[in-house]
C-alpha atoms as a PDB file:
ATOM      1  CA  MET A   1       0.010   0.026  -0.020  1.00  0.00           C
ATOM      2  CA  ASN A   2       1.377   3.353  -1.045  1.00  0.00           C
ATOM      3  CA  ILE A   3       0.239   6.810   0.168  1.00  0.00           C
ATOM      4  CA  LEU A   4      -0.313   7.832  -3.507  1.00  0.00           C
ATOM      5  CA  ASP A   5      -2.170   4.654  -4.476  1.00  0.00           C
ATOM      6  CA  GLY A   6      -5.269   5.482  -6.520  1.00  0.00           C
ATOM      7  CA  LYS A   7      -4.616   9.263  -6.474  1.00  0.00           C
ATOM      8  CA  LYS A   8      -4.736  11.818  -9.263  1.00  0.00           C
ATOM      9  CA  LEU A   9      -1.855  14.317  -9.207  1.00  0.00           C
ATOM     10  CA  ILE A  10      -1.207  17.876 -10.273  1.00  0.00           C
ATOM     11  CA  ILE A  11       2.552  18.423 -10.320  1.00  0.00           C
ATOM     12  CA  ILE A  12       4.105  21.849 -10.292  1.00  0.00           C
ATOM     13  CA  GLY A  13       7.854  21.943 -10.345  1.00  0.00           C
ATOM     14  CA  ASP A  14      10.264  24.819  -9.898  1.00  0.00           C
ATOM     15  CA  ARG A  15      12.778  26.042 -12.460  1.00  0.00           C
ATOM     16  CA  ASP A  16      15.542  26.509  -9.887  1.00  0.00           C
ATOM     17  CA  GLY A  17      14.533  23.457  -7.847  1.00  0.00           C
ATOM     18  CA  ILE A  18      13.106  20.134  -9.118  1.00  0.00           C
ATOM     19  CA  PRO A  19      11.356  20.372 -12.524  1.00  0.00           C
ATOM     20  CA  GLY A  20       7.883  19.000 -12.883  1.00  0.00           C
ATOM     21  CA  GLN A  21       8.954  16.485 -15.508  1.00  0.00           C
ATOM     22  CA  ALA A  22      11.500  14.977 -13.102  1.00  0.00           C
ATOM     23  CA  ILE A  23       8.796  14.514 -10.451  1.00  0.00           C
ATOM     24  CA  GLU A  24       6.492  13.050 -13.055  1.00  0.00           C
ATOM     25  CA  GLU A  25       9.061  10.445 -14.071  1.00  0.00           C
ATOM     26  CA  CYS A  26       9.491   9.361 -10.449  1.00  0.00           C
ATOM     27  CA  VAL A  27       5.714   9.070  -9.976  1.00  0.00           C
ATOM     28  CA  LYS A  28       5.287   6.974 -13.128  1.00  0.00           C
ATOM     29  CA  ALA A  29       6.929   4.051 -11.295  1.00  0.00           C
ATOM     30  CA  ILE A  30       3.928   3.880  -8.892  1.00  0.00           C
ATOM     31  CA  GLN A  31       0.927   1.872 -10.023  1.00  0.00           C
ATOM     32  CA  ASN A  32      -2.626   3.320  -9.882  1.00  0.00           C
ATOM     33  CA  VAL A  33      -1.423   6.962  -9.985  1.00  0.00           C
ATOM     34  CA  GLU A  34      -2.671   9.306 -12.656  1.00  0.00           C
ATOM     35  CA  VAL A  35      -0.831  12.572 -13.521  1.00  0.00           C
ATOM     36  CA  LEU A  36      -3.439  15.104 -14.632  1.00  0.00           C
ATOM     37  CA  PHE A  37      -1.129  18.037 -15.185  1.00  0.00           C
ATOM     38  CA  SER A  38       2.636  18.548 -14.934  1.00  0.00           C
ATOM     39  CA  ALA A  39       4.458  21.851 -15.441  1.00  0.00           C
ATOM     40  CA  THR A  40       7.633  23.656 -14.479  1.00  0.00           C
ATOM     41  CA  GLU A  41       7.141  27.263 -13.340  1.00  0.00           C
ATOM     42  CA  CYS A  42       9.523  30.121 -12.498  1.00  0.00           C
ATOM     43  CA  PHE A  43       8.667  31.642  -9.141  1.00  0.00           C
ATOM     44  CA  VAL A  44      10.384  35.018  -8.993  1.00  0.00           C
END
């Protein structure tokens, strides 16, 4: 059982931190998780 099991995610990454695409790739390894939206933003 995983804390994200069966969840739908919205991923917002940071340009100077961890990009959204990197987080999305990590989450893809978990079964029963759906990524609805993934983006990398610049918070200035």
